[in-house]
mmCIF file of all heavy atoms, coordinates in Angstrom:
data_MODEL
# 
_entry.id   MODEL 
# 
loop_
_atom_site.group_PDB 
_atom_site.id 
_atom_site.type_symbol 
_atom_site.label_atom_id 
_atom_site.label_alt_id 
_atom_site.label_comp_id 
_atom_site.label_asym_id 
_atom_site.label_entity_id 
_atom_site.label_seq_id 
_atom_site.pdbx_PDB_ins_code 
_atom_site.Cartn_x 
_atom_site.Cartn_y 
_atom_site.Cartn_z 
_atom_site.occupancy 
_atom_site.B_iso_or_equiv 
_atom_site.pdbx_formal_charge 
_atom_site.auth_seq_id 
_atom_site.auth_comp_id 
_atom_site.auth_asym_id 
_atom_site.auth_atom_id 
_atom_site.pdbx_PDB_model_num 
ATOM 1   N N   . ARG A 1 1  ? 0.802  -1.219  0.000   1.00 0.00 ? 1  ARG A N   1 
ATOM 2   C CA  . ARG A 1 1  ? 0.000  0.000   0.000   1.00 0.00 ? 1  ARG A CA  1 
ATOM 3   C C   . ARG A 1 1  ? 0.844  1.282   0.000   1.00 0.00 ? 1  ARG A C   1 
ATOM 4   O O   . ARG A 1 1  ? 0.296  2.386   0.037   1.00 0.00 ? 1  ARG A O   1 
ATOM 5   C CB  . ARG A 1 1  ? -0.916 0.014   1.225   1.00 0.00 ? 1  ARG A CB  1 
ATOM 6   C CG  . ARG A 1 1  ? -0.201 0.106   2.573   1.00 0.00 ? 1  ARG A CG  1 
ATOM 7   C CD  . ARG A 1 1  ? -1.207 0.186   3.712   1.00 0.00 ? 1  ARG A CD  1 
ATOM 8   N NE  . ARG A 1 1  ? -0.590 0.452   5.002   1.00 0.00 ? 1  ARG A NE  1 
ATOM 9   C CZ  . ARG A 1 1  ? -0.142 -0.480  5.816   1.00 0.00 ? 1  ARG A CZ  1 
ATOM 10  N NH1 . ARG A 1 1  ? -0.213 -1.752  5.472   1.00 0.00 ? 1  ARG A NH1 1 
ATOM 11  N NH2 . ARG A 1 1  ? 0.391  -0.153  6.980   1.00 0.00 ? 1  ARG A NH2 1 
ATOM 12  N N   . ALA A 1 2  ? 2.167  1.139   -0.024  1.00 0.00 ? 2  ALA A N   1 
ATOM 13  C CA  . ALA A 1 2  ? 3.043  2.307   0.024   1.00 0.00 ? 2  ALA A CA  1 
ATOM 14  C C   . ALA A 1 2  ? 2.860  3.192   -1.205  1.00 0.00 ? 2  ALA A C   1 
ATOM 15  O O   . ALA A 1 2  ? 2.617  2.704   -2.317  1.00 0.00 ? 2  ALA A O   1 
ATOM 16  C CB  . ALA A 1 2  ? 4.496  1.883   0.151   1.00 0.00 ? 2  ALA A CB  1 
ATOM 17  N N   . ALA A 1 3  ? 2.992  4.497   -0.987  1.00 0.00 ? 3  ALA A N   1 
ATOM 18  C CA  . ALA A 1 3  ? 2.923  5.452   -2.094  1.00 0.00 ? 3  ALA A CA  1 
ATOM 19  C C   . ALA A 1 3  ? 4.308  5.816   -2.605  1.00 0.00 ? 3  ALA A C   1 
ATOM 20  O O   . ALA A 1 3  ? 4.453  6.366   -3.694  1.00 0.00 ? 3  ALA A O   1 
ATOM 21  C CB  . ALA A 1 3  ? 2.202  6.730   -1.644  1.00 0.00 ? 3  ALA A CB  1 
ATOM 22  N N   . VAL A 1 4  ? 5.336  5.504   -1.803  1.00 0.00 ? 4  VAL A N   1 
ATOM 23  C CA  . VAL A 1 4  ? 6.715  5.841   -2.151  1.00 0.00 ? 4  VAL A CA  1 
ATOM 24  C C   . VAL A 1 4  ? 7.586  4.601   -1.985  1.00 0.00 ? 4  VAL A C   1 
ATOM 25  O O   . VAL A 1 4  ? 7.524  3.914   -0.975  1.00 0.00 ? 4  VAL A O   1 
ATOM 26  C CB  . VAL A 1 4  ? 7.266  6.964   -1.241  1.00 0.00 ? 4  VAL A CB  1 
ATOM 27  C CG1 . VAL A 1 4  ? 8.688  7.351   -1.663  1.00 0.00 ? 4  VAL A CG1 1 
ATOM 28  C CG2 . VAL A 1 4  ? 6.356  8.183   -1.258  1.00 0.00 ? 4  VAL A CG2 1 
ATOM 29  N N   . ALA A 1 5  ? 8.387  4.305   -3.004  1.00 0.00 ? 5  ALA A N   1 
ATOM 30  C CA  . ALA A 1 5  ? 9.402  3.259   -2.912  1.00 0.00 ? 5  ALA A CA  1 
ATOM 31  C C   . ALA A 1 5  ? 10.752 3.917   -3.179  1.00 0.00 ? 5  ALA A C   1 
ATOM 32  O O   . ALA A 1 5  ? 10.881 4.721   -4.104  1.00 0.00 ? 5  ALA A O   1 
ATOM 33  C CB  . ALA A 1 5  ? 9.144  2.145   -3.920  1.00 0.00 ? 5  ALA A CB  1 
ATOM 34  N N   . LEU A 1 6  ? 11.728 3.598   -2.363  1.00 0.00 ? 6  LEU A N   1 
ATOM 35  C CA  . LEU A 1 6  ? 13.012 4.278   -2.497  1.00 0.00 ? 6  LEU A CA  1 
ATOM 36  C C   . LEU A 1 6  ? 14.180 3.356   -2.234  1.00 0.00 ? 6  LEU A C   1 
ATOM 37  O O   . LEU A 1 6  ? 14.060 2.339   -1.550  1.00 0.00 ? 6  LEU A O   1 
ATOM 38  C CB  . LEU A 1 6  ? 13.089 5.477   -1.563  1.00 0.00 ? 6  LEU A CB  1 
ATOM 39  C CG  . LEU A 1 6  ? 13.002 5.189   -0.061  1.00 0.00 ? 6  LEU A CG  1 
ATOM 40  C CD1 . LEU A 1 6  ? 13.962 6.099   0.703   1.00 0.00 ? 6  LEU A CD1 1 
ATOM 41  C CD2 . LEU A 1 6  ? 11.575 5.442   0.437   1.00 0.00 ? 6  LEU A CD2 1 
ATOM 42  N N   . SER A 1 7  ? 15.292 3.753   -2.796  1.00 0.00 ? 7  SER A N   1 
ATOM 43  C CA  . SER A 1 7  ? 16.527 3.010   -2.621  1.00 0.00 ? 7  SER A CA  1 
ATOM 44  C C   . SER A 1 7  ? 17.432 3.755   -1.656  1.00 0.00 ? 7  SER A C   1 
ATOM 45  O O   . SER A 1 7  ? 17.356 4.985   -1.522  1.00 0.00 ? 7  SER A O   1 
ATOM 46  C CB  . SER A 1 7  ? 17.229 2.882   -3.984  1.00 0.00 ? 7  SER A CB  1 
ATOM 47  O OG  . SER A 1 7  ? 18.593 2.574   -3.824  1.00 0.00 ? 7  SER A OG  1 
ATOM 48  N N   . GLY A 1 8  ? 18.300 2.997   -0.991  1.00 0.00 ? 8  GLY A N   1 
ATOM 49  C CA  . GLY A 1 8  ? 19.394 3.651   -0.294  1.00 0.00 ? 8  GLY A CA  1 
ATOM 50  C C   . GLY A 1 8  ? 20.321 4.257   -1.336  1.00 0.00 ? 8  GLY A C   1 
ATOM 51  O O   . GLY A 1 8  ? 20.211 3.958   -2.534  1.00 0.00 ? 8  GLY A O   1 
ATOM 52  N N   . TYR A 1 9  ? 21.223 5.116   -0.919  1.00 0.00 ? 9  TYR A N   1 
ATOM 53  C CA  . TYR A 1 9  ? 22.126 5.724   -1.896  1.00 0.00 ? 9  TYR A CA  1 
ATOM 54  C C   . TYR A 1 9  ? 23.550 5.698   -1.371  1.00 0.00 ? 9  TYR A C   1 
ATOM 55  O O   . TYR A 1 9  ? 23.800 5.599   -0.167  1.00 0.00 ? 9  TYR A O   1 
ATOM 56  C CB  . TYR A 1 9  ? 21.702 7.156   -2.220  1.00 0.00 ? 9  TYR A CB  1 
ATOM 57  C CG  . TYR A 1 9  ? 21.886 8.154   -1.095  1.00 0.00 ? 9  TYR A CG  1 
ATOM 58  C CD1 . TYR A 1 9  ? 23.057 8.896   -0.989  1.00 0.00 ? 9  TYR A CD1 1 
ATOM 59  C CD2 . TYR A 1 9  ? 20.896 8.353   -0.152  1.00 0.00 ? 9  TYR A CD2 1 
ATOM 60  C CE1 . TYR A 1 9  ? 23.233 9.803   0.045   1.00 0.00 ? 9  TYR A CE1 1 
ATOM 61  C CE2 . TYR A 1 9  ? 21.050 9.254   0.877   1.00 0.00 ? 9  TYR A CE2 1 
ATOM 62  C CZ  . TYR A 1 9  ? 22.222 9.983   0.972   1.00 0.00 ? 9  TYR A CZ  1 
ATOM 63  O OH  . TYR A 1 9  ? 22.387 10.872  2.002   1.00 0.00 ? 9  TYR A OH  1 
ATOM 64  N N   . CYS A 1 10 ? 24.488 5.730   -2.284  1.00 0.00 ? 10 CYS A N   1 
ATOM 65  C CA  . CYS A 1 10 ? 25.886 5.799   -1.886  1.00 0.00 ? 10 CYS A CA  1 
ATOM 66  C C   . CYS A 1 10 ? 26.526 7.010   -2.552  1.00 0.00 ? 10 CYS A C   1 
ATOM 67  O O   . CYS A 1 10 ? 26.186 7.366   -3.687  1.00 0.00 ? 10 CYS A O   1 
ATOM 68  C CB  . CYS A 1 10 ? 26.623 4.522   -2.266  1.00 0.00 ? 10 CYS A CB  1 
ATOM 69  S SG  . CYS A 1 10 ? 26.725 4.182   -4.023  1.00 0.00 ? 10 CYS A SG  1 
ATOM 70  N N   . ARG A 1 11 ? 27.404 7.639   -1.825  1.00 0.00 ? 11 ARG A N   1 
ATOM 71  C CA  . ARG A 1 11 ? 28.161 8.763   -2.361  1.00 0.00 ? 11 ARG A CA  1 
ATOM 72  C C   . ARG A 1 11 ? 29.441 8.219   -2.981  1.00 0.00 ? 11 ARG A C   1 
ATOM 73  O O   . ARG A 1 11 ? 30.188 7.491   -2.328  1.00 0.00 ? 11 ARG A O   1 
ATOM 74  C CB  . ARG A 1 11 ? 28.498 9.758   -1.251  1.00 0.00 ? 11 ARG A CB  1 
ATOM 75  C CG  . ARG A 1 11 ? 27.262 10.409  -0.618  1.00 0.00 ? 11 ARG A CG  1 
ATOM 76  C CD  . ARG A 1 11 ? 27.647 11.294  0.558   1.00 0.00 ? 11 ARG A CD  1 
ATOM 77  N NE  . ARG A 1 11 ? 26.496 11.885  1.190   1.00 0.00 ? 11 ARG A NE  1 
ATOM 78  C CZ  . ARG A 1 11 ? 25.977 13.065  0.859   1.00 0.00 ? 11 ARG A CZ  1 
ATOM 79  N NH1 . ARG A 1 11 ? 26.551 13.778  -0.100  1.00 0.00 ? 11 ARG A NH1 1 
ATOM 80  N NH2 . ARG A 1 11 ? 24.920 13.542  1.467   1.00 0.00 ? 11 ARG A NH2 1 
ATOM 81  N N   . VAL A 1 12 ? 29.676 8.561   -4.224  1.00 0.00 ? 12 VAL A N   1 
ATOM 82  C CA  . VAL A 1 12 ? 30.831 8.010   -4.930  1.00 0.00 ? 12 VAL A CA  1 
ATOM 83  C C   . VAL A 1 12 ? 31.451 9.081   -5.816  1.00 0.00 ? 12 VAL A C   1 
ATOM 84  O O   . VAL A 1 12 ? 30.746 9.917   -6.380  1.00 0.00 ? 12 VAL A O   1 
ATOM 85  C CB  . VAL A 1 12 ? 30.410 6.769   -5.754  1.00 0.00 ? 12 VAL A CB  1 
ATOM 86  C CG1 . VAL A 1 12 ? 29.334 7.127   -6.760  1.00 0.00 ? 12 VAL A CG1 1 
ATOM 87  C CG2 . VAL A 1 12 ? 31.601 6.107   -6.413  1.00 0.00 ? 12 VAL A CG2 1 
ATOM 88  N N   . SER A 1 13 ? 32.773 9.065   -5.905  1.00 0.00 ? 13 SER A N   1 
ATOM 89  C CA  . SER A 1 13 ? 33.465 10.055  -6.725  1.00 0.00 ? 13 SER A CA  1 
ATOM 90  C C   . SER A 1 13 ? 33.243 9.767   -8.204  1.00 0.00 ? 13 SER A C   1 
ATOM 91  O O   . SER A 1 13 ? 32.893 8.641   -8.595  1.00 0.00 ? 13 SER A O   1 
ATOM 92  C CB  . SER A 1 13 ? 34.966 10.034  -6.415  1.00 0.00 ? 13 SER A CB  1 
ATOM 93  O OG  . SER A 1 13 ? 35.533 8.811   -6.840  1.00 0.00 ? 13 SER A OG  1 
ATOM 94  N N   . SER A 1 14 ? 33.452 10.763  -9.035  1.00 0.00 ? 14 SER A N   1 
ATOM 95  C CA  . SER A 1 14 ? 33.308 10.587  -10.482 1.00 0.00 ? 14 SER A CA  1 
ATOM 96  C C   . SER A 1 14 ? 34.216 9.476   -10.993 1.00 0.00 ? 14 SER A C   1 
ATOM 97  O O   . SER A 1 14 ? 33.837 8.685   -11.862 1.00 0.00 ? 14 SER A O   1 
ATOM 98  C CB  . SER A 1 14 ? 33.639 11.901  -11.199 1.00 0.00 ? 14 SER A CB  1 
ATOM 99  O OG  . SER A 1 14 ? 32.622 12.850  -11.018 1.00 0.00 ? 14 SER A OG  1 
ATOM 100 N N   . GLU A 1 15 ? 35.427 9.402   -10.427 1.00 0.00 ? 15 GLU A N   1 
ATOM 101 C CA  . GLU A 1 15 ? 36.398 8.419   -10.882 1.00 0.00 ? 15 GLU A CA  1 
ATOM 102 C C   . GLU A 1 15 ? 35.956 6.993   -10.568 1.00 0.00 ? 15 GLU A C   1 
ATOM 103 O O   . GLU A 1 15 ? 36.278 6.058   -11.309 1.00 0.00 ? 15 GLU A O   1 
ATOM 104 C CB  . GLU A 1 15 ? 37.760 8.688   -10.230 1.00 0.00 ? 15 GLU A CB  1 
ATOM 105 C CG  . GLU A 1 15 ? 38.404 10.019  -10.612 1.00 0.00 ? 15 GLU A CG  1 
ATOM 106 C CD  . GLU A 1 15 ? 37.782 11.210  -9.896  1.00 0.00 ? 15 GLU A CD  1 
ATOM 107 O OE1 . GLU A 1 15 ? 37.059 10.977  -8.898  1.00 0.00 ? 15 GLU A OE1 1 
ATOM 108 O OE2 . GLU A 1 15 ? 38.001 12.350  -10.345 1.00 0.00 ? 15 GLU A OE2 1 
ATOM 109 N N   . ASP A 1 16 ? 35.215 6.807   -9.479  1.00 0.00 ? 16 ASP A N   1 
ATOM 110 C CA  . ASP A 1 16 ? 34.852 5.462   -9.029  1.00 0.00 ? 16 ASP A CA  1 
ATOM 111 C C   . ASP A 1 16 ? 33.435 5.049   -9.401  1.00 0.00 ? 16 ASP A C   1 
ATOM 112 O O   . ASP A 1 16 ? 33.046 3.901   -9.162  1.00 0.00 ? 16 ASP A O   1 
ATOM 113 C CB  . ASP A 1 16 ? 35.003 5.368   -7.506  1.00 0.00 ? 16 ASP A CB  1 
ATOM 114 C CG  . ASP A 1 16 ? 36.435 5.606   -7.046  1.00 0.00 ? 16 ASP A CG  1 
ATOM 115 O OD1 . ASP A 1 16 ? 37.354 5.317   -7.842  1.00 0.00 ? 16 ASP A OD1 1 
ATOM 116 O OD2 . ASP A 1 16 ? 36.624 6.079   -5.910  1.00 0.00 ? 16 ASP A OD2 1 
ATOM 117 N N   . LEU A 1 17 ? 32.638 5.968   -9.956  1.00 0.00 ? 17 LEU A N   1 
ATOM 118 C CA  . LEU A 1 17 ? 31.219 5.679   -10.164 1.00 0.00 ? 17 LEU A CA  1 
ATOM 119 C C   . LEU A 1 17 ? 30.996 4.490   -11.096 1.00 0.00 ? 17 LEU A C   1 
ATOM 120 O O   . LEU A 1 17 ? 30.238 3.565   -10.770 1.00 0.00 ? 17 LEU A O   1 
ATOM 121 C CB  . LEU A 1 17 ? 30.496 6.918   -10.703 1.00 0.00 ? 17 LEU A CB  1 
ATOM 122 C CG  . LEU A 1 17 ? 28.968 6.815   -10.749 1.00 0.00 ? 17 LEU A CG  1 
ATOM 123 C CD1 . LEU A 1 17 ? 28.334 8.168   -10.474 1.00 0.00 ? 17 LEU A CD1 1 
ATOM 124 C CD2 . LEU A 1 17 ? 28.495 6.327   -12.118 1.00 0.00 ? 17 LEU A CD2 1 
ATOM 125 N N   . CYS A 1 18 ? 31.637 4.483   -12.246 1.00 0.00 ? 18 CYS A N   1 
ATOM 126 C CA  . CYS A 1 18 ? 31.416 3.404   -13.225 1.00 0.00 ? 18 CYS A CA  1 
ATOM 127 C C   . CYS A 1 18 ? 31.843 2.052   -12.657 1.00 0.00 ? 18 CYS A C   1 
ATOM 128 O O   . CYS A 1 18 ? 31.156 1.043   -12.850 1.00 0.00 ? 18 CYS A O   1 
ATOM 129 C CB  . CYS A 1 18 ? 32.182 3.702   -14.510 1.00 0.00 ? 18 CYS A CB  1 
ATOM 130 S SG  . CYS A 1 18 ? 31.471 5.048   -15.481 1.00 0.00 ? 18 CYS A SG  1 
ATOM 131 N N   . GLU A 1 19 ? 32.963 2.032   -11.957 1.00 0.00 ? 19 GLU A N   1 
ATOM 132 C CA  . GLU A 1 19 ? 33.447 0.782   -11.372 1.00 0.00 ? 19 GLU A CA  1 
ATOM 133 C C   . GLU A 1 19 ? 32.484 0.274   -10.303 1.00 0.00 ? 19 GLU A C   1 
ATOM 134 O O   . GLU A 1 19 ? 32.172 -0.922  -10.256 1.00 0.00 ? 19 GLU A O   1 
ATOM 135 C CB  . GLU A 1 19 ? 34.837 0.988   -10.773 1.00 0.00 ? 19 GLU A CB  1 
ATOM 136 C CG  . GLU A 1 19 ? 35.437 -0.278  -10.184 1.00 0.00 ? 19 GLU A CG  1 
ATOM 137 C CD  . GLU A 1 19 ? 36.834 -0.056  -9.628  1.00 0.00 ? 19 GLU A CD  1 
ATOM 138 O OE1 . GLU A 1 19 ? 37.371 1.058   -9.805  1.00 0.00 ? 19 GLU A OE1 1 
ATOM 139 O OE2 . GLU A 1 19 ? 37.375 -0.985  -8.998  1.00 0.00 ? 19 GLU A OE2 1 
ATOM 140 N N   . ARG A 1 20 ? 31.986 1.196   -9.452  1.00 0.00 ? 20 ARG A N   1 
ATOM 141 C CA  . ARG A 1 20 ? 31.051 0.805   -8.397  1.00 0.00 ? 20 ARG A CA  1 
ATOM 142 C C   . ARG A 1 20 ? 29.742 0.280   -9.003  1.00 0.00 ? 20 ARG A C   1 
ATOM 143 O O   . ARG A 1 20 ? 29.189 -0.729  -8.555  1.00 0.00 ? 20 ARG A O   1 
ATOM 144 C CB  . ARG A 1 20 ? 30.774 1.991   -7.486  1.00 0.00 ? 20 ARG A CB  1 
ATOM 145 C CG  . ARG A 1 20 ? 29.702 1.761   -6.427  1.00 0.00 ? 20 ARG A CG  1 
ATOM 146 C CD  . ARG A 1 20 ? 30.083 0.655   -5.449  1.00 0.00 ? 20 ARG A CD  1 
ATOM 147 N NE  . ARG A 1 20 ? 29.006 0.370   -4.524  1.00 0.00 ? 20 ARG A NE  1 
ATOM 148 C CZ  . ARG A 1 20 ? 28.839 0.990   -3.348  1.00 0.00 ? 20 ARG A CZ  1 
ATOM 149 N NH1 . ARG A 1 20 ? 29.692 1.918   -2.957  1.00 0.00 ? 20 ARG A NH1 1 
ATOM 150 N NH2 . ARG A 1 20 ? 27.836 0.658   -2.559  1.00 0.00 ? 20 ARG A NH2 1 
ATOM 151 N N   . LEU A 1 21 ? 29.270 0.948   -10.030 1.00 0.00 ? 21 LEU A N   1 
ATOM 152 C CA  . LEU A 1 21 ? 28.035 0.531   -10.696 1.00 0.00 ? 21 LEU A CA  1 
ATOM 153 C C   . LEU A 1 21 ? 28.198 -0.851  -11.320 1.00 0.00 ? 21 LEU A C   1 
ATOM 154 O O   . LEU A 1 21 ? 27.311 -1.707  -11.228 1.00 0.00 ? 21 LEU A O   1 
ATOM 155 C CB  . LEU A 1 21 ? 27.654 1.563   -11.760 1.00 0.00 ? 21 LEU A CB  1 
ATOM 156 C CG  . LEU A 1 21 ? 26.333 1.381   -12.501 1.00 0.00 ? 21 LEU A CG  1 
ATOM 157 C CD1 . LEU A 1 21 ? 25.178 1.260   -11.535 1.00 0.00 ? 21 LEU A CD1 1 
ATOM 158 C CD2 . LEU A 1 21 ? 26.100 2.549   -13.458 1.00 0.00 ? 21 LEU A CD2 1 
ATOM 159 N N   . PHE A 1 22 ? 29.349 -1.085  -11.932 1.00 0.00 ? 22 PHE A N   1 
ATOM 160 C CA  . PHE A 1 22 ? 29.611 -2.390  -12.552 1.00 0.00 ? 22 PHE A CA  1 
ATOM 161 C C   . PHE A 1 22 ? 29.677 -3.489  -11.494 1.00 0.00 ? 22 PHE A C   1 
ATOM 162 O O   . PHE A 1 22 ? 29.106 -4.569  -11.662 1.00 0.00 ? 22 PHE A O   1 
ATOM 163 C CB  . PHE A 1 22 ? 30.919 -2.355  -13.350 1.00 0.00 ? 22 PHE A CB  1 
ATOM 164 C CG  . PHE A 1 22 ? 31.319 -3.680  -13.931 1.00 0.00 ? 22 PHE A CG  1 
ATOM 165 C CD1 . PHE A 1 22 ? 30.673 -4.191  -15.047 1.00 0.00 ? 22 PHE A CD1 1 
ATOM 166 C CD2 . PHE A 1 22 ? 32.334 -4.429  -13.336 1.00 0.00 ? 22 PHE A CD2 1 
ATOM 167 C CE1 . PHE A 1 22 ? 31.030 -5.422  -15.571 1.00 0.00 ? 22 PHE A CE1 1 
ATOM 168 C CE2 . PHE A 1 22 ? 32.698 -5.661  -13.857 1.00 0.00 ? 22 PHE A CE2 1 
ATOM 169 C CZ  . PHE A 1 22 ? 32.046 -6.165  -14.974 1.00 0.00 ? 22 PHE A CZ  1 
ATOM 170 N N   . GLU A 1 23 ? 30.379 -3.230  -10.396 1.00 0.00 ? 23 GLU A N   1 
ATOM 171 C CA  . GLU A 1 23 ? 30.512 -4.221  -9.330  1.00 0.00 ? 23 GLU A CA  1 
ATOM 172 C C   . GLU A 1 23 ? 29.143 -4.590  -8.739  1.00 0.00 ? 23 GLU A C   1 
ATOM 173 O O   . GLU A 1 23 ? 28.834 -5.761  -8.532  1.00 0.00 ? 23 GLU A O   1 
ATOM 174 C CB  . GLU A 1 23 ? 31.432 -3.693  -8.231  1.00 0.00 ? 23 GLU A CB  1 
ATOM 175 C CG  . GLU A 1 23 ? 32.892 -3.596  -8.643  1.00 0.00 ? 23 GLU A CG  1 
ATOM 176 C CD  . GLU A 1 23 ? 33.743 -2.988  -7.546  1.00 0.00 ? 23 GLU A CD  1 
ATOM 177 O OE1 . GLU A 1 23 ? 33.171 -2.526  -6.528  1.00 0.00 ? 23 GLU A OE1 1 
ATOM 178 O OE2 . GLU A 1 23 ? 34.978 -2.959  -7.705  1.00 0.00 ? 23 GLU A OE2 1 
ATOM 179 N N   . ASP A 1 24 ? 28.323 -3.575  -8.484  1.00 0.00 ? 24 ASP A N   1 
ATOM 180 C CA  . ASP A 1 24 ? 26.998 -3.830  -7.911  1.00 0.00 ? 24 ASP A CA  1 
ATOM 181 C C   . ASP A 1 24 ? 26.099 -4.571  -8.895  1.00 0.00 ? 24 ASP A C   1 
ATOM 182 O O   . ASP A 1 24 ? 25.253 -5.381  -8.486  1.00 0.00 ? 24 ASP A O   1 
ATOM 183 C CB  . ASP A 1 24 ? 26.330 -2.516  -7.498  1.00 0.00 ? 24 ASP A CB  1 
ATOM 184 C CG  . ASP A 1 24 ? 26.956 -1.919  -6.247  1.00 0.00 ? 24 ASP A CG  1 
ATOM 185 O OD1 . ASP A 1 24 ? 27.813 -2.587  -5.637  1.00 0.00 ? 24 ASP A OD1 1 
ATOM 186 O OD2 . ASP A 1 24 ? 26.595 -0.782  -5.884  1.00 0.00 ? 24 ASP A OD2 1 
ATOM 187 N N   . SER A 1 25 ? 26.252 -4.304  -10.174 1.00 0.00 ? 25 SER A N   1 
ATOM 188 C CA  . SER A 1 25 ? 25.427 -4.957  -11.193 1.00 0.00 ? 25 SER A CA  1 
ATOM 189 C C   . SER A 1 25 ? 25.749 -6.445  -11.292 1.00 0.00 ? 25 SER A C   1 
ATOM 190 O O   . SER A 1 25 ? 24.890 -7.246  -11.693 1.00 0.00 ? 25 SER A O   1 
ATOM 191 C CB  . SER A 1 25 ? 25.644 -4.297  -12.559 1.00 0.00 ? 25 SER A CB  1 
ATOM 192 O OG  . SER A 1 25 ? 25.292 -2.928  -12.523 1.00 0.00 ? 25 SER A OG  1 
ATOM 193 N N   . CYS A 1 26 ? 26.962 -6.833  -10.914 1.00 0.00 ? 26 CYS A N   1 
ATOM 194 C CA  . CYS A 1 26 ? 27.373 -8.231  -10.995 1.00 0.00 ? 26 CYS A CA  1 
ATOM 195 C C   . CYS A 1 26 ? 26.959 -9.038  -9.770  1.00 0.00 ? 26 CYS A C   1 
ATOM 196 O O   . CYS A 1 26 ? 26.953 -10.278 -9.809  1.00 0.00 ? 26 CYS A O   1 
ATOM 197 C CB  . CYS A 1 26 ? 28.895 -8.326  -11.160 1.00 0.00 ? 26 CYS A CB  1 
ATOM 198 S SG  . CYS A 1 26 ? 29.492 -7.658  -12.731 1.00 0.00 ? 26 CYS A SG  1 
ATOM 199 N N   . LYS A 1 27 ? 26.613 -8.358  -8.703  1.00 0.00 ? 27 LYS A N   1 
ATOM 200 C CA  . LYS A 1 27 ? 26.233 -9.052  -7.471  1.00 0.00 ? 27 LYS A CA  1 
ATOM 201 C C   . LYS A 1 27 ? 24.835 -9.640  -7.597  1.00 0.00 ? 27 LYS A C   1 
ATOM 202 O O   . LYS A 1 27 ? 23.927 -9.011  -8.124  1.00 0.00 ? 27 LYS A O   1 
ATOM 203 C CB  . LYS A 1 27 ? 26.287 -8.089  -6.283  1.00 0.00 ? 27 LYS A CB  1 
ATOM 204 C CG  . LYS A 1 27 ? 27.694 -7.598  -5.940  1.00 0.00 ? 27 LYS A CG  1 
ATOM 205 C CD  . LYS A 1 27 ? 27.648 -6.604  -4.801  1.00 0.00 ? 27 LYS A CD  1 
ATOM 206 C CE  . LYS A 1 27 ? 29.038 -6.070  -4.473  1.00 0.00 ? 27 LYS A CE  1 
ATOM 207 N NZ  . LYS A 1 27 ? 29.000 -5.042  -3.411  1.00 0.00 ? 27 LYS A NZ  1 
# 
């Protein structure tokens, strides 16, 4: 019945963003 669904978030530098996204996508 929730009206809002949300994700936690992580703060990541520009240099590390793509690598972090790739690692999480593989999990």
